[in-house]
């Protein structure tokens, strides 16, 4: 007879691990990971930061509600974020700062001289900026391991090299089989499969929602000049780049979003070259050498909001997907919200309505 669980979670990255930690004290949890170790894909490749404007106003409630957990567990290192804009974007930048200030985000408008003081060698084309002093780096590995440890202490069972082969509803429960032939039963099947969210849904007989993976590239550079230790996270208002220091190196991304099939993503030379070319247009910083490059997949629903909740047409099938590039910084609040929905609890810090999969039906 197949072992029975209350919840079977497909995917043990940040999403699956955080939800398993929240559910484990309340029921039997099975956490299924297709790779040899959890967090191999998006979680393990994130240059994550916690910044309240990232993802837009409808993601802000999740980010803000996650801040206390991240701070209380010593998972944040203060960095600050600086969004740069050209002259033609100045009015839009002001509106951006005002919109988030009304939500309670601390912002500070900087002139060109103030920007140059923070970014030595800044070129003349970037004369406007908004500082978000509360932006912080996230210790992604420590956060992921914290959740896995909490799940394990709560009794959750983690299986790696556990690729889903089939899932169907029978007798009010989900029957789940893996590619190696192992079989399980669960009351609820949770889709926390990241880039594979739509294929998992199709396998379970649920209608895919159009969760699309996009490739994002990061390059680690050794620079010809010292990288300022207090350099903030620097982002382009038009979304064409971001960079931040990592020790004495610079992490740089062209902020690319290339549609991809679910896969083990690899960087393209053209994306790395594009990133370096864009950096050269921002600051007079010589690049000594490219030391490392990697890519990961960020997955978005069609409206670019996450999808949290029971599928309205497939009983017992729960979506926990579409977290895009903000899945790490919103993980604590997202897990709390999803656990409350799964356990039938009312209330919570964040309204779940904007993230319901029913919005696509």
Protein backbone atom coordinates (compact mmCIF):
# COMPACT_ATOMS: atom_id res chain seq x y z
CA UNK A 1 0.00 0.00 0.00
CA UNK A 2 1.28 3.46 -0.91
CA UNK A 3 2.37 5.69 1.97
CA UNK A 4 -0.22 8.40 2.67
CA UNK A 5 0.37 12.10 3.31
CA UNK A 6 -1.78 15.12 3.91
CA UNK A 7 0.28 17.27 1.53
CA UNK A 8 2.57 16.28 -1.34
CA UNK A 9 4.65 19.29 -2.48
CA UNK A 10 6.31 19.11 -5.90
CA UNK A 11 9.52 21.13 -5.76
CA UNK A 12 11.90 21.71 -2.85
CA UNK A 13 13.33 25.07 -3.83
CA UNK A 14 12.56 28.12 -1.72
CA UNK A 15 8.83 27.90 -2.42
CA UNK A 16 8.40 24.24 -1.57
CA UNK A 17 10.78 24.30 1.40
CA UNK A 18 9.15 27.36 3.00
CA UNK A 19 5.67 25.89 2.61
CA UNK A 20 6.78 22.50 3.94
CA UNK A 21 8.16 24.25 7.03
CA UNK A 22 4.80 25.94 7.62
CA UNK A 23 2.71 22.83 7.05
CA UNK A 24 4.83 20.16 8.78
CA UNK A 25 3.55 20.88 12.32
CA UNK A 26 -0.03 20.45 11.10
CA UNK A 27 0.06 17.30 8.96
CA UNK A 28 2.12 14.71 7.12
CA UNK A 29 4.16 16.44 4.40
CA UNK A 30 5.99 14.85 1.47
CA UNK A 31 8.47 17.12 -0.31
CA UNK A 32 9.47 15.89 -3.78
CA UNK A 33 12.61 17.20 -5.51
CA UNK A 34 13.58 16.03 -9.00
CA UNK A 35 17.24 17.01 -8.63
CA UNK A 36 19.95 15.49 -6.46
CA UNK A 37 19.66 18.35 -4.00
CA UNK A 38 17.03 20.98 -3.21
CA UNK A 39 17.43 24.48 -4.60
CA UNK A 40 19.52 23.51 -7.63
CA UNK A 41 17.69 25.77 -10.07
CA UNK A 42 16.30 29.27 -9.33
CA UNK A 43 16.93 29.24 -5.56
CA UNK A 44 20.58 28.28 -5.90
CA UNK A 45 21.30 30.86 -8.59
CA UNK A 46 19.70 33.96 -7.14
CA UNK A 47 21.54 37.20 -6.45
CA UNK A 48 18.69 37.94 -4.10
CA UNK A 49 17.98 41.20 -2.42
CA UNK A 50 15.09 42.51 -0.34
CA UNK A 51 13.84 45.77 -1.78
CA UNK A 52 10.30 46.92 -1.30
CA UNK A 53 9.71 48.38 -4.78
CA UNK A 54 10.77 45.24 -6.62
CA UNK A 55 7.88 43.50 -8.34
CA UNK A 56 5.54 46.49 -8.17
CA UNK A 57 2.84 47.72 -5.79
CA UNK A 58 0.87 44.44 -5.72
CA UNK A 59 3.96 42.46 -4.71
CA UNK A 60 4.89 45.03 -2.06
CA UNK A 61 2.55 43.60 0.63
CA UNK A 62 4.33 40.23 0.43
CA UNK A 63 7.77 41.88 0.54
CA UNK A 64 6.89 44.14 3.47
CA UNK A 65 5.34 41.29 5.46
CA UNK A 66 8.46 39.16 4.89
CA UNK A 67 10.86 41.76 6.25
CA UNK A 68 10.44 41.05 9.99
CA UNK A 69 11.08 37.31 9.58
CA UNK A 70 14.20 37.92 7.49
CA UNK A 71 15.53 40.51 9.95
CA UNK A 72 14.70 38.49 13.06
CA UNK A 73 16.60 35.51 11.67
CA UNK A 74 19.63 37.64 10.76
CA UNK A 75 19.25 36.92 7.03
CA UNK A 76 19.59 40.50 5.78
CA UNK A 77 22.67 42.64 5.25
CA UNK A 78 21.96 46.32 4.68
CA UNK A 79 22.87 47.45 1.18
CA UNK A 80 20.60 50.21 -0.11
CA UNK A 81 19.24 50.34 -3.65
CA UNK A 82 19.76 53.13 -6.13
CA UNK A 83 17.56 53.38 -9.22
CA UNK A 84 19.12 55.45 -12.00
CA UNK A 85 17.26 57.30 -14.73
CA UNK A 86 18.03 59.45 -17.76
CA UNK A 87 16.75 62.99 -18.22
CA UNK A 88 13.81 61.77 -20.31
CA UNK A 89 12.75 59.46 -17.47
CA UNK A 90 12.91 62.00 -14.64
CA UNK A 91 9.15 62.58 -14.36
CA UNK A 92 8.41 58.84 -14.41
CA UNK A 93 11.09 58.28 -11.76
CA UNK A 94 9.44 60.90 -9.53
CA UNK A 95 6.09 59.16 -9.94
CA UNK A 96 7.71 55.81 -9.08
CA UNK A 97 9.19 57.26 -5.88
CA UNK A 98 5.90 58.93 -4.91
CA UNK A 99 3.87 55.78 -5.48
CA UNK A 100 6.04 53.70 -3.18
CA UNK A 101 6.45 56.46 -0.60
CA UNK A 102 2.65 56.45 -0.25
CA UNK A 103 2.86 52.73 0.53
CA UNK A 104 5.36 53.43 3.30
CA UNK A 105 8.63 52.73 1.47
CA UNK A 106 11.49 55.04 2.45
CA UNK A 107 12.79 56.81 -0.67
CA UNK A 108 15.17 59.71 -1.26
CA UNK A 109 15.52 61.63 -4.52
CA UNK A 110 19.18 62.27 -5.41
CA UNK A 111 20.70 64.81 -7.79
CA UNK A 112 23.69 64.15 -10.04
CA UNK A 113 26.30 65.27 -7.51
CA UNK A 114 24.82 62.98 -4.85
CA UNK A 115 24.76 60.10 -7.33
CA UNK A 116 28.41 60.63 -8.24
CA UNK A 117 29.34 60.53 -4.56
CA UNK A 118 27.80 57.06 -4.32
CA UNK A 119 28.88 55.77 -7.74
CA UNK A 120 32.38 57.04 -8.58
CA UNK A 121 32.86 57.49 -12.30
CA UNK A 122 29.13 57.74 -13.05
CA UNK A 123 28.62 59.03 -16.57
CA UNK A 124 26.71 62.20 -17.36
CA UNK A 125 23.73 60.47 -19.00
CA UNK A 126 22.43 59.20 -15.64
CA UNK A 127 21.57 62.40 -13.81
CA UNK A 128 18.58 61.25 -11.74
CA UNK A 129 18.22 58.65 -9.03
CA UNK A 130 16.08 57.38 -6.18
CA UNK A 131 17.67 55.79 -3.13
CA UNK A 132 15.86 53.10 -1.13
CA UNK A 133 18.03 52.90 2.00
CA UNK A 134 16.28 49.83 3.44
CA UNK A 135 17.21 47.48 0.57
CA UNK A 136 19.29 44.57 1.87
CA UNK A 137 21.11 41.51 0.56
CA UNK A 138 19.50 38.19 1.50
CA UNK A 139 21.49 35.17 2.61
CA UNK A 140 19.60 32.84 0.26
CA UNK A 141 21.40 29.63 1.20
CA UNK A 142 20.86 30.22 4.92
CA UNK A 143 17.16 31.00 4.39
CA UNK A 144 16.64 27.86 2.31
CA UNK A 145 18.47 25.67 4.82
CA UNK A 146 16.49 27.21 7.67
CA UNK A 147 13.24 26.20 6.00
CA UNK A 148 14.47 22.69 5.18
CA UNK A 149 15.57 22.23 8.80
CA UNK A 150 12.22 23.47 10.12
CA UNK A 151 10.39 21.13 7.76
CA UNK A 152 12.52 18.21 8.85
CA UNK A 153 11.99 18.95 12.56
CA UNK A 154 8.26 19.09 11.91
CA UNK A 155 8.35 15.62 10.42
CA UNK A 156 8.28 16.42 6.69
CA UNK A 157 9.82 13.78 4.45
CA UNK A 158 12.15 15.04 1.71
CA UNK A 159 12.86 12.86 -1.32
CA UNK A 160 15.49 13.91 -3.86
CA UNK A 161 15.91 12.40 -7.33
CA UNK A 162 12.13 12.08 -7.14
CA UNK A 163 10.79 13.09 -10.56
CA UNK A 164 7.03 13.07 -10.91
CA UNK A 165 5.77 10.54 -13.47
CA UNK A 166 2.00 10.69 -12.97
CA UNK A 167 -0.64 12.14 -10.66
CA UNK A 168 -4.37 11.52 -10.69
CA UNK A 169 -7.32 11.98 -8.37
CA UNK A 170 -8.92 8.79 -7.09
CA UNK A 171 -11.29 8.25 -4.19
CA UNK A 172 -10.89 11.81 -2.94
CA UNK A 173 -7.07 11.60 -2.80
CA UNK A 174 -4.16 12.15 -5.13
CA UNK A 175 -2.26 9.11 -6.34
CA UNK A 176 1.32 10.06 -7.16
CA UNK A 177 3.93 7.91 -8.89
CA UNK A 178 7.58 8.77 -9.48
CA UNK A 179 9.75 7.84 -12.44
CA UNK A 180 11.53 5.22 -10.35
CA UNK A 181 8.21 3.51 -9.59
CA UNK A 182 7.65 4.69 -6.03
CA UNK A 183 4.04 5.58 -5.26
CA UNK A 184 2.31 7.76 -2.68
CA UNK A 185 -1.13 9.10 -1.84
CA UNK A 186 -1.92 12.63 -0.63
CA UNK A 187 -5.00 14.64 0.18
CA UNK A 188 -3.57 17.76 -1.47
CA UNK A 189 -1.07 18.09 -4.30
CA UNK A 190 0.91 21.35 -4.14
CA UNK A 191 2.51 22.67 -7.32
CA UNK A 192 5.69 24.47 -6.20
CA UNK A 193 7.64 23.36 -9.28
CA UNK A 194 8.92 26.77 -10.42
CA UNK A 195 9.71 26.70 -14.13
CA UNK A 196 7.98 23.31 -14.36
CA UNK A 197 4.69 24.57 -12.84
CA UNK A 198 2.63 24.30 -16.02
CA UNK A 199 3.96 20.82 -16.99
CA UNK A 200 3.18 19.56 -13.47
CA UNK A 201 -0.33 20.99 -13.72
CA UNK A 202 -0.89 19.29 -17.09
CA UNK A 203 0.38 15.99 -15.70
CA UNK A 204 -2.18 16.25 -12.89
CA UNK A 205 -5.00 17.09 -15.28
CA UNK A 206 -5.22 20.76 -14.29
CA UNK A 207 -5.30 23.48 -16.92
CA UNK A 208 -1.91 25.24 -17.27
CA UNK A 209 -2.04 28.95 -16.45
CA UNK A 210 0.65 30.19 -18.80
CA UNK A 211 3.46 30.30 -16.22
CA UNK A 212 6.41 31.18 -18.47
CA UNK A 213 10.09 30.70 -17.51
CA UNK A 214 12.54 33.43 -18.55
CA UNK A 215 16.33 33.20 -18.50
CA UNK A 216 18.23 35.71 -16.36
CA UNK A 217 22.02 36.06 -16.66
CA UNK A 218 24.58 37.17 -14.06
CA UNK A 219 28.31 37.74 -14.58
CA UNK A 220 30.94 38.07 -11.87
CA UNK A 221 33.61 40.57 -12.86
CA UNK A 222 37.02 41.49 -11.54
CA UNK A 223 37.34 45.23 -12.02
CA UNK A 224 40.35 47.39 -12.86
CA UNK A 225 39.45 49.73 -10.00
CA UNK A 226 38.45 48.84 -6.42
CA UNK A 227 34.73 48.21 -6.06
CA UNK A 228 33.42 50.52 -3.30
CA UNK A 229 32.46 48.42 -0.29
CA UNK A 230 29.45 50.63 0.37
CA UNK A 231 28.19 50.59 -3.21
CA UNK A 232 24.41 50.11 -3.23
CA UNK A 233 22.51 47.79 -5.49
CA UNK A 234 22.30 49.87 -8.68
CA UNK A 235 19.36 49.38 -11.03
CA UNK A 236 18.32 51.03 -14.27
CA UNK A 237 14.85 52.58 -14.19
CA UNK A 238 14.28 51.22 -17.70
CA UNK A 239 15.16 47.68 -16.55
CA UNK A 240 18.30 47.36 -18.70
CA UNK A 241 20.80 46.35 -15.97
CA UNK A 242 21.56 45.95 -12.31
CA UNK A 243 24.81 45.43 -10.45
CA UNK A 244 26.11 45.19 -6.92
CA UNK A 245 29.38 44.35 -5.17
CA UNK A 246 30.15 40.84 -3.99
CA UNK A 247 33.29 41.11 -1.89
CA UNK A 248 35.86 42.77 -4.15
CA UNK A 249 34.00 41.62 -7.29
CA UNK A 250 31.02 43.02 -9.15
CA UNK A 251 27.88 41.02 -9.91
CA UNK A 252 26.28 42.35 -13.08
CA UNK A 253 23.12 41.42 -14.99
CA UNK A 254 21.68 42.80 -18.24
CA UNK A 255 18.26 42.18 -16.64
CA UNK A 256 17.52 39.85 -19.54
CA UNK A 257 14.21 38.02 -19.82
CA UNK A 258 14.55 35.49 -22.61
CA UNK A 259 11.63 33.04 -22.83
CA UNK A 260 12.81 29.49 -22.19
CA UNK A 261 11.52 25.98 -21.84
CA UNK A 262 12.00 24.55 -18.33
CA UNK A 263 15.63 23.44 -18.26
CA UNK A 264 19.01 23.66 -16.55
CA UNK A 265 19.62 27.21 -17.76
CA UNK A 266 23.03 28.25 -19.09
CA UNK A 267 24.27 31.77 -19.87
CA UNK A 268 24.66 32.99 -23.45
CA UNK A 269 27.80 34.87 -24.49
CA UNK A 270 25.71 37.63 -26.08
CA UNK A 271 23.93 38.33 -22.79
CA UNK A 272 27.21 38.63 -20.89
CA UNK A 273 28.62 40.93 -23.58
CA UNK A 274 25.45 43.03 -23.47
CA UNK A 275 25.73 43.37 -19.70
CA UNK A 276 29.33 44.57 -19.88
CA UNK A 277 28.53 47.02 -22.69
CA UNK A 278 25.70 48.51 -20.65
CA UNK A 279 27.94 48.85 -17.59
CA UNK A 280 30.46 50.77 -19.69
CA UNK A 281 27.73 53.26 -20.59
CA UNK A 282 26.90 53.79 -16.91
CA UNK A 283 30.28 54.25 -15.24
CA UNK A 284 33.90 54.68 -16.21
CA UNK A 285 34.96 51.40 -14.65
CA UNK A 286 37.45 49.21 -16.51
CA UNK A 287 36.65 45.49 -16.52
CA UNK A 288 39.74 43.41 -15.89
CA UNK A 289 38.25 39.98 -16.55
CA UNK A 290 35.12 37.88 -16.50
CA UNK A 291 35.50 35.38 -13.66
CA UNK A 292 32.21 33.52 -13.64
CA UNK A 293 28.82 33.54 -15.35
CA UNK A 294 25.58 31.73 -14.74
CA UNK A 295 21.89 31.86 -15.56
CA UNK A 296 18.67 30.89 -13.87
CA UNK A 297 15.00 30.77 -14.75
CA UNK A 298 12.45 33.19 -13.31
CA UNK A 299 8.86 32.17 -13.94
CA UNK A 300 5.93 34.57 -14.30
CA UNK A 301 2.19 34.15 -14.69
CA UNK A 302 0.68 36.23 -17.53
CA UNK A 303 -0.05 39.20 -15.23
CA UNK A 304 3.34 38.87 -13.49
CA UNK A 305 1.80 38.27 -10.08
CA UNK A 306 2.35 35.02 -8.15
CA UNK A 307 -0.29 32.30 -8.13
CA UNK A 308 -1.30 31.06 -4.67
CA UNK A 309 -4.41 29.02 -4.05
CA UNK A 310 -6.53 26.00 -4.92
CA UNK A 311 -7.27 25.44 -8.59
CA UNK A 312 -10.97 26.27 -9.09
CA UNK A 313 -11.52 23.33 -11.47
CA UNK A 314 -9.24 20.61 -10.07
CA UNK A 315 -10.09 19.46 -6.52
CA UNK A 316 -7.16 19.25 -4.13
CA UNK A 317 -4.68 20.84 -6.55
CA UNK A 318 -2.94 23.89 -5.05
CA UNK A 319 -0.85 26.42 -6.99
CA UNK A 320 2.26 27.90 -5.36
CA UNK A 321 4.05 29.23 -8.41
CA UNK A 322 4.84 32.21 -10.63
CA UNK A 323 7.09 33.98 -8.11
CA UNK A 324 9.25 35.57 -10.79
CA UNK A 325 12.36 37.31 -9.47
CA UNK A 326 10.77 38.24 -6.14
CA UNK A 327 10.21 34.72 -4.80
CA UNK A 328 13.09 34.86 -2.32
CA UNK A 329 12.28 38.25 -0.82
CA UNK A 330 8.59 37.34 -0.42
CA UNK A 331 9.09 33.73 0.73
CA UNK A 332 8.14 34.13 4.41
CA UNK A 333 4.86 35.95 3.75
CA UNK A 334 3.98 33.79 0.75
CA UNK A 335 4.46 30.60 2.79
CA UNK A 336 2.35 31.98 5.63
CA UNK A 337 -0.41 32.95 3.20
CA UNK A 338 -0.38 29.58 1.41
CA UNK A 339 -0.29 27.59 4.65
CA UNK A 340 -3.31 29.52 5.94
CA UNK A 341 -5.23 28.73 2.73
CA UNK A 342 -4.28 25.07 2.86
CA UNK A 343 -5.22 24.74 6.53
CA UNK A 344 -8.50 26.63 6.13
CA UNK A 345 -7.48 29.47 8.38
CA UNK A 346 -8.85 33.01 8.17
CA UNK A 347 -7.02 36.29 8.45
CA UNK A 348 -3.32 36.80 7.90
CA UNK A 349 -1.14 39.76 7.08
CA UNK A 350 -1.69 39.70 3.30
CA UNK A 351 -4.91 39.58 1.30
CA UNK A 352 -4.73 36.43 -0.89
CA UNK A 353 -7.28 37.64 -3.46
CA UNK A 354 -4.83 39.25 -5.95
CA UNK A 355 -2.87 35.98 -6.19
CA UNK A 356 -5.73 33.51 -6.59
CA UNK A 357 -5.57 31.17 -9.62
CA UNK A 358 -9.29 31.84 -10.07
CA UNK A 359 -8.37 35.18 -11.67
CA UNK A 360 -7.42 33.31 -14.86
CA UNK A 361 -10.70 31.39 -15.22
